[in-house]
Amino acid sequence: MKVLLDIKDSKASFVMELLQNFPFVKAKPISAHKAKVLEDLKEAVKEMKLIKVGKLKARNAEELFHEL
């Protein structure tokens, strides 16, 4: 299982050291940019699932293109 944690910078070294002391845990920090990309991707998948079940209306590609 993978878990993404948001930890205050002042406590990050303590938490990383604690996690690394467990032989069954592999912990490595990721950049703020990578964390943001993961969160955005998670949100996109959630929206796609809502569109599939009809709880959210999809936009056509042309509208999206003009928005960019």
N, C-alpha and C. Protein backbone atom coordinates (compact mmCIF):
# COMPACT_ATOMS: atom_id res chain seq x y z
N MET A 1 0.85 -1.16 0.00
CA MET A 1 0.00 0.00 0.00
C MET A 1 0.90 1.23 0.00
N LYS A 2 0.46 2.23 -0.73
CA LYS A 2 1.19 3.50 -0.75
C LYS A 2 0.34 4.55 -0.06
N VAL A 3 1.00 5.42 0.71
CA VAL A 3 0.32 6.45 1.46
C VAL A 3 1.05 7.77 1.23
N LEU A 4 0.30 8.81 0.95
CA LEU A 4 0.89 10.14 0.78
C LEU A 4 0.58 10.95 2.02
N LEU A 5 1.60 11.43 2.70
CA LEU A 5 1.43 12.20 3.93
C LEU A 5 1.81 13.65 3.69
N ASP A 6 1.10 14.56 4.31
CA ASP A 6 1.44 15.98 4.26
C ASP A 6 1.92 16.35 5.67
N ILE A 7 3.22 16.59 5.79
CA ILE A 7 3.84 16.80 7.10
C ILE A 7 4.48 18.18 7.14
N LYS A 8 4.34 18.87 8.26
CA LYS A 8 5.00 20.16 8.43
C LYS A 8 6.50 19.98 8.25
N ASP A 9 7.13 20.94 7.60
CA ASP A 9 8.57 20.86 7.36
C ASP A 9 9.36 20.68 8.66
N SER A 10 8.90 21.31 9.72
CA SER A 10 9.63 21.23 10.99
C SER A 10 9.59 19.83 11.61
N LYS A 11 8.63 19.01 11.22
CA LYS A 11 8.50 17.66 11.77
C LYS A 11 8.88 16.57 10.76
N ALA A 12 9.18 16.95 9.53
CA ALA A 12 9.42 15.97 8.47
C ALA A 12 10.60 15.05 8.77
N SER A 13 11.70 15.59 9.24
CA SER A 13 12.87 14.74 9.49
C SER A 13 12.57 13.72 10.58
N PHE A 14 11.83 14.13 11.62
CA PHE A 14 11.47 13.21 12.69
C PHE A 14 10.61 12.06 12.15
N VAL A 15 9.59 12.40 11.36
CA VAL A 15 8.68 11.37 10.83
C VAL A 15 9.43 10.44 9.88
N MET A 16 10.30 11.00 9.03
CA MET A 16 11.06 10.16 8.10
C MET A 16 11.97 9.20 8.86
N GLU A 17 12.64 9.70 9.89
CA GLU A 17 13.51 8.84 10.69
C GLU A 17 12.70 7.73 11.37
N LEU A 18 11.53 8.09 11.89
CA LEU A 18 10.66 7.12 12.54
C LEU A 18 10.23 6.04 11.55
N LEU A 19 9.78 6.43 10.37
CA LEU A 19 9.32 5.47 9.36
C LEU A 19 10.45 4.56 8.89
N GLN A 20 11.64 5.12 8.75
CA GLN A 20 12.77 4.33 8.27
C GLN A 20 13.25 3.30 9.28
N ASN A 21 12.83 3.42 10.52
CA ASN A 21 13.19 2.45 11.54
C ASN A 21 12.31 1.20 11.51
N PHE A 22 11.24 1.23 10.74
CA PHE A 22 10.40 0.05 10.58
C PHE A 22 10.92 -0.74 9.38
N PRO A 23 11.26 -2.02 9.58
CA PRO A 23 11.83 -2.79 8.46
C PRO A 23 10.83 -3.06 7.34
N PHE A 24 9.55 -2.93 7.61
CA PHE A 24 8.52 -3.21 6.61
C PHE A 24 8.03 -1.95 5.88
N VAL A 25 8.66 -0.81 6.14
CA VAL A 25 8.26 0.46 5.52
C VAL A 25 9.41 1.00 4.69
N LYS A 26 9.09 1.38 3.45
CA LYS A 26 10.05 2.08 2.59
C LYS A 26 9.52 3.50 2.44
N ALA A 27 10.27 4.47 2.92
CA ALA A 27 9.83 5.86 2.88
C ALA A 27 10.84 6.70 2.12
N LYS A 28 10.31 7.54 1.22
CA LYS A 28 11.18 8.48 0.52
C LYS A 28 10.39 9.75 0.27
N PRO A 29 11.01 10.90 0.44
CA PRO A 29 10.31 12.17 0.23
C PRO A 29 10.09 12.44 -1.27
N ILE A 30 9.04 13.18 -1.58
CA ILE A 30 8.81 13.62 -2.95
C ILE A 30 8.72 15.14 -2.95
N SER A 31 8.94 15.73 -4.10
CA SER A 31 8.91 17.19 -4.20
C SER A 31 7.47 17.70 -4.09
N ALA A 32 7.34 18.96 -3.77
CA ALA A 32 6.02 19.57 -3.68
C ALA A 32 5.32 19.53 -5.04
N HIS A 33 6.09 19.70 -6.10
CA HIS A 33 5.52 19.65 -7.46
C HIS A 33 4.95 18.27 -7.75
N LYS A 34 5.69 17.24 -7.42
CA LYS A 34 5.24 15.87 -7.67
C LYS A 34 3.99 15.56 -6.84
N ALA A 35 3.94 16.03 -5.61
CA ALA A 35 2.78 15.83 -4.76
C ALA A 35 1.55 16.51 -5.36
N LYS A 36 1.74 17.71 -5.91
CA LYS A 36 0.64 18.45 -6.55
C LYS A 36 0.14 17.71 -7.78
N VAL A 37 1.06 17.18 -8.58
CA VAL A 37 0.68 16.42 -9.77
C VAL A 37 -0.14 15.20 -9.37
N LEU A 38 0.29 14.50 -8.33
CA LEU A 38 -0.45 13.32 -7.86
C LEU A 38 -1.86 13.69 -7.39
N GLU A 39 -1.98 14.79 -6.66
CA GLU A 39 -3.29 15.23 -6.18
C GLU A 39 -4.19 15.61 -7.35
N ASP A 40 -3.63 16.32 -8.34
CA ASP A 40 -4.41 16.71 -9.52
C ASP A 40 -4.87 15.49 -10.30
N LEU A 41 -4.01 14.51 -10.43
CA LEU A 41 -4.35 13.29 -11.14
C LEU A 41 -5.46 12.52 -10.41
N LYS A 42 -5.35 12.47 -9.10
CA LYS A 42 -6.37 11.82 -8.28
C LYS A 42 -7.73 12.50 -8.48
N GLU A 43 -7.73 13.82 -8.50
CA GLU A 43 -8.97 14.58 -8.69
C GLU A 43 -9.54 14.33 -10.09
N ALA A 44 -8.69 14.24 -11.10
CA ALA A 44 -9.14 13.98 -12.47
C ALA A 44 -9.81 12.61 -12.57
N VAL A 45 -9.23 11.62 -11.94
CA VAL A 45 -9.81 10.27 -11.96
C VAL A 45 -11.16 10.27 -11.25
N LYS A 46 -11.25 10.99 -10.15
CA LYS A 46 -12.51 11.09 -9.42
C LYS A 46 -13.59 11.73 -10.30
N GLU A 47 -13.23 12.80 -11.02
CA GLU A 47 -14.18 13.45 -11.91
C GLU A 47 -14.61 12.53 -13.05
N MET A 48 -13.66 11.77 -13.59
CA MET A 48 -14.00 10.84 -14.68
C MET A 48 -14.99 9.77 -14.20
N LYS A 49 -14.82 9.29 -12.99
CA LYS A 49 -15.75 8.31 -12.44
C LYS A 49 -17.14 8.91 -12.28
N LEU A 50 -17.23 10.17 -11.85
CA LEU A 50 -18.51 10.84 -11.71
C LEU A 50 -19.18 11.04 -13.07
N ILE A 51 -18.39 11.35 -14.09
CA ILE A 51 -18.92 11.50 -15.44
C ILE A 51 -19.47 10.17 -15.94
N LYS A 52 -18.73 9.09 -15.69
CA LYS A 52 -19.17 7.77 -16.14
C LYS A 52 -20.51 7.36 -15.55
N VAL A 53 -20.74 7.69 -14.28
CA VAL A 53 -22.00 7.30 -13.64
C VAL A 53 -23.09 8.35 -13.85
N GLY A 54 -22.78 9.43 -14.56
CA GLY A 54 -23.78 10.44 -14.90
C GLY A 54 -24.02 11.49 -13.84
N LYS A 55 -23.17 11.60 -12.86
CA LYS A 55 -23.34 12.59 -11.80
C LYS A 55 -22.66 13.92 -12.12
N LEU A 56 -21.90 13.95 -13.20
CA LEU A 56 -21.19 15.15 -13.62
C LEU A 56 -21.24 15.21 -15.13
N LYS A 57 -21.46 16.41 -15.66
CA LYS A 57 -21.55 16.55 -17.11
C LYS A 57 -20.16 16.76 -17.70
N ALA A 58 -19.88 16.05 -18.77
CA ALA A 58 -18.59 16.16 -19.44
C ALA A 58 -18.58 17.38 -20.36
N ARG A 59 -17.40 17.95 -20.56
CA ARG A 59 -17.24 19.03 -21.54
C ARG A 59 -16.67 18.44 -22.80
N ASN A 60 -17.00 19.04 -23.94
CA ASN A 60 -16.41 18.52 -25.16
C ASN A 60 -14.97 19.03 -25.29
N ALA A 61 -14.20 18.38 -26.11
CA ALA A 61 -12.77 18.67 -26.24
C ALA A 61 -12.52 20.08 -26.78
N GLU A 62 -13.39 20.57 -27.63
CA GLU A 62 -13.21 21.90 -28.21
C GLU A 62 -13.31 22.98 -27.12
N GLU A 63 -14.28 22.84 -26.21
CA GLU A 63 -14.40 23.79 -25.10
C GLU A 63 -13.13 23.77 -24.23
N LEU A 64 -12.67 22.59 -23.95
CA LEU A 64 -11.46 22.45 -23.13
C LEU A 64 -10.27 23.08 -23.82
N PHE A 65 -10.13 22.86 -25.12
CA PHE A 65 -9.01 23.41 -25.89
C PHE A 65 -9.04 24.94 -25.85
N HIS A 66 -10.23 25.54 -25.99
CA HIS A 66 -10.33 27.00 -25.97
C HIS A 66 -10.05 27.56 -24.60
N GLU A 67 -10.33 26.79 -23.56
CA GLU A 67 -10.06 27.23 -22.20
C GLU A 67 -8.55 27.33 -21.93
N LEU A 68 -7.79 26.43 -22.56
CA LEU A 68 -6.34 26.43 -22.36
C LEU A 68 -5.73 27.59 -23.11
